[in-house]
């Protein structure tokens, strides 16, 4: 498996895990059990799970009216959307520089 494929699989799995974390928190909110902190939910979104977090927010209708959470999540998503083209353009040359030492 190539580097790009490996990174894509990791990205996909992390977004699935993030979605499941939001689902777990939604279920806990309904059942009155232990909740996942907003800081932890945003942390998972920031570390690469922003698409999974936004998908969970929309599909599960979880944390949709909660401010500043909603704004912070959208800011993380915008950051990730801006970084993707940068990574695609400069990523290969940065990897080559790191490998060269």
C-alpha atoms as a PDB file:
ATOM      1  CA  UNK A   1       0.000   0.000   0.000  1.00  0.00           C
ATOM      2  CA  UNK A   2       1.374   3.432  -0.963  1.00  0.00           C
ATOM      3  CA  UNK A   3       1.748   6.423   1.298  1.00  0.00           C
ATOM      4  CA  UNK A   4      -1.262   8.193  -0.197  1.00  0.00           C
ATOM      5  CA  UNK A   5      -3.486   5.142   0.210  1.00  0.00           C
ATOM      6  CA  UNK A   6      -2.303   4.613   3.786  1.00  0.00           C
ATOM      7  CA  UNK A   7      -3.003   8.251   4.678  1.00  0.00           C
ATOM      8  CA  UNK A   8      -6.437   8.055   3.068  1.00  0.00           C
ATOM      9  CA  UNK A   9      -7.328   4.899   5.058  1.00  0.00           C
ATOM     10  CA  UNK A  10      -6.150   6.532   8.300  1.00  0.00           C
ATOM     11  CA  UNK A  11      -8.159   9.675   7.468  1.00  0.00           C
ATOM     12  CA  UNK A  12     -11.262   7.587   6.714  1.00  0.00           C
ATOM     13  CA  UNK A  13     -10.969   5.526   9.901  1.00  0.00           C
ATOM     14  CA  UNK A  14     -10.429   8.621  12.029  1.00  0.00           C
ATOM     15  CA  UNK A  15     -13.556  10.235  10.586  1.00  0.00           C
ATOM     16  CA  UNK A  16     -15.561   7.061  11.266  1.00  0.00           C
ATOM     17  CA  UNK A  17     -14.275   7.016  14.853  1.00  0.00           C
ATOM     18  CA  UNK A  18     -15.191  10.705  15.237  1.00  0.00           C
ATOM     19  CA  UNK A  19     -18.690  10.070  13.874  1.00  0.00           C
ATOM     20  CA  UNK A  20     -19.119   7.194  16.354  1.00  0.00           C
ATOM     21  CA  UNK A  21     -17.937   9.421  19.212  1.00  0.00           C
ATOM     22  CA  UNK A  22     -20.626  11.980  18.345  1.00  0.00           C
ATOM     23  CA  UNK A  23     -23.195   9.178  18.092  1.00  0.00           C
ATOM     24  CA  UNK A  24     -22.141   7.868  21.515  1.00  0.00           C
ATOM     25  CA  UNK A  25     -22.470  11.343  23.026  1.00  0.00           C
ATOM     26  CA  UNK A  26     -25.920  11.805  21.463  1.00  0.00           C
ATOM     27  CA  UNK A  27     -27.071   8.461  22.873  1.00  0.00           C
ATOM     28  CA  UNK A  28     -25.627   9.308  26.292  1.00  0.00           C
ATOM     29  CA  UNK A  29     -27.459  12.659  26.223  1.00  0.00           C
ATOM     30  CA  UNK A  30     -30.756  10.892  25.574  1.00  0.00           C
ATOM     31  CA  UNK A  31     -30.162   8.199  28.196  1.00  0.00           C
ATOM     32  CA  UNK A  32     -28.735  10.500  30.876  1.00  0.00           C
ATOM     33  CA  UNK A  33     -25.350   8.751  30.990  1.00  0.00           C
ATOM     34  CA  UNK A  34     -21.743   9.930  30.991  1.00  0.00           C
ATOM     35  CA  UNK A  35     -21.112  12.431  28.178  1.00  0.00           C
ATOM     36  CA  UNK A  36     -18.134  13.141  25.989  1.00  0.00           C
ATOM     37  CA  UNK A  37     -16.841  16.643  26.654  1.00  0.00           C
ATOM     38  CA  UNK A  38     -17.191  19.305  23.980  1.00  0.00           C
ATOM     39  CA  UNK A  39     -13.437  19.820  24.142  1.00  0.00           C
ATOM     40  CA  UNK A  40     -12.873  16.145  23.304  1.00  0.00           C
ATOM     41  CA  UNK A  41     -15.375  16.256  20.420  1.00  0.00           C
ATOM     42  CA  UNK A  42     -13.641  19.322  18.978  1.00  0.00           C
ATOM     43  CA  UNK A  43     -10.245  17.735  19.550  1.00  0.00           C
ATOM     44  CA  UNK A  44     -11.186  14.723  17.430  1.00  0.00           C
ATOM     45  CA  UNK A  45     -12.525  17.055  14.742  1.00  0.00           C
ATOM     46  CA  UNK A  46      -9.323  19.120  14.794  1.00  0.00           C
ATOM     47  CA  UNK A  47      -7.047  16.093  14.597  1.00  0.00           C
ATOM     48  CA  UNK A  48      -8.610  15.078  11.292  1.00  0.00           C
ATOM     49  CA  UNK A  49     -12.179  14.030  11.940  1.00  0.00           C
ATOM     50  CA  UNK A  50     -13.900  17.243  10.876  1.00  0.00           C
ATOM     51  CA  UNK A  51     -15.901  15.606   8.077  1.00  0.00           C
ATOM     52  CA  UNK A  52     -17.097  12.862  10.419  1.00  0.00           C
ATOM     53  CA  UNK A  53     -17.965  15.457  13.049  1.00  0.00           C
ATOM     54  CA  UNK A  54     -19.977  17.625  10.650  1.00  0.00           C
ATOM     55  CA  UNK A  55     -21.700  14.557   9.182  1.00  0.00           C
ATOM     56  CA  UNK A  56     -22.657  13.396  12.686  1.00  0.00           C
ATOM     57  CA  UNK A  57     -23.815  16.872  13.643  1.00  0.00           C
ATOM     58  CA  UNK A  58     -26.096  17.038  10.608  1.00  0.00           C
ATOM     59  CA  UNK A  59     -27.332  13.426  10.473  1.00  0.00           C
ATOM     60  CA  UNK A  60     -27.779  12.969  14.218  1.00  0.00           C
ATOM     61  CA  UNK A  61     -28.858  16.575  14.846  1.00  0.00           C
ATOM     62  CA  UNK A  62     -26.352  16.777  17.663  1.00  0.00           C
ATOM     63  CA  UNK A  63     -24.819  20.044  18.880  1.00  0.00           C
ATOM     64  CA  UNK A  64     -26.510  21.998  16.100  1.00  0.00           C
ATOM     65  CA  UNK A  65     -27.596  24.969  18.246  1.00  0.00           C
ATOM     66  CA  UNK A  66     -24.781  24.932  20.772  1.00  0.00           C
ATOM     67  CA  UNK A  67     -22.555  28.016  20.528  1.00  0.00           C
ATOM     68  CA  UNK A  68     -19.583  28.531  20.411  1.00  0.00           C
ATOM     69  CA  UNK A  69     -19.235  24.804  19.646  1.00  0.00           C
ATOM     70  CA  UNK A  70     -20.919  25.097  16.257  1.00  0.00           C
ATOM     71  CA  UNK A  71     -18.737  28.011  15.171  1.00  0.00           C
ATOM     72  CA  UNK A  72     -15.563  26.309  16.359  1.00  0.00           C
ATOM     73  CA  UNK A  73     -16.426  23.144  14.454  1.00  0.00           C
ATOM     74  CA  UNK A  74     -17.074  25.128  11.271  1.00  0.00           C
ATOM     75  CA  UNK A  75     -13.737  26.943  11.729  1.00  0.00           C
ATOM     76  CA  UNK A  76     -11.974  23.582  12.011  1.00  0.00           C
ATOM     77  CA  UNK A  77     -13.705  22.386   8.847  1.00  0.00           C
ATOM     78  CA  UNK A  78     -12.683  25.548   6.956  1.00  0.00           C
ATOM     79  CA  UNK A  79      -9.098  25.095   8.149  1.00  0.00           C
ATOM     80  CA  UNK A  80      -9.058  21.502   6.898  1.00  0.00           C
ATOM     81  CA  UNK A  81     -10.594  22.477   3.548  1.00  0.00           C
ATOM     82  CA  UNK A  82      -7.887  25.138   3.151  1.00  0.00           C
ATOM     83  CA  UNK A  83      -5.090  22.728   4.096  1.00  0.00           C
ATOM     84  CA  UNK A  84      -6.045  19.986   1.628  1.00  0.00           C
ATOM     85  CA  UNK A  85      -4.905  21.844  -1.511  1.00  0.00           C
ATOM     86  CA  UNK A  86      -1.734  22.962   0.280  1.00  0.00           C
ATOM     87  CA  UNK A  87      -0.969  19.370   1.263  1.00  0.00           C
ATOM     88  CA  UNK A  88      -1.669  18.118  -2.239  1.00  0.00           C
ATOM     89  CA  UNK A  89       0.575  20.757  -3.822  1.00  0.00           C
ATOM     90  CA  UNK A  90       3.454  20.868  -1.357  1.00  0.00           C
ATOM     91  CA  UNK A  91       3.116  17.527   0.449  1.00  0.00           C
ATOM     92  CA  UNK A  92       5.183  15.379  -1.931  1.00  0.00           C
ATOM     93  CA  UNK A  93       8.097  17.824  -1.975  1.00  0.00           C
ATOM     94  CA  UNK A  94       7.979  18.163   1.824  1.00  0.00           C
ATOM     95  CA  UNK A  95       8.077  14.370   2.180  1.00  0.00           C
ATOM     96  CA  UNK A  96      11.086  14.237  -0.155  1.00  0.00           C
ATOM     97  CA  UNK A  97      12.857  16.908   1.909  1.00  0.00           C
ATOM     98  CA  UNK A  98      12.152  15.008   5.139  1.00  0.00           C
ATOM     99  CA  UNK A  99      13.419  11.735   3.664  1.00  0.00           C
ATOM    100  CA  UNK A 100      16.599  13.400   2.397  1.00  0.00           C
ATOM    101  CA  UNK A 101      17.339  14.583   5.903  1.00  0.00           C
END
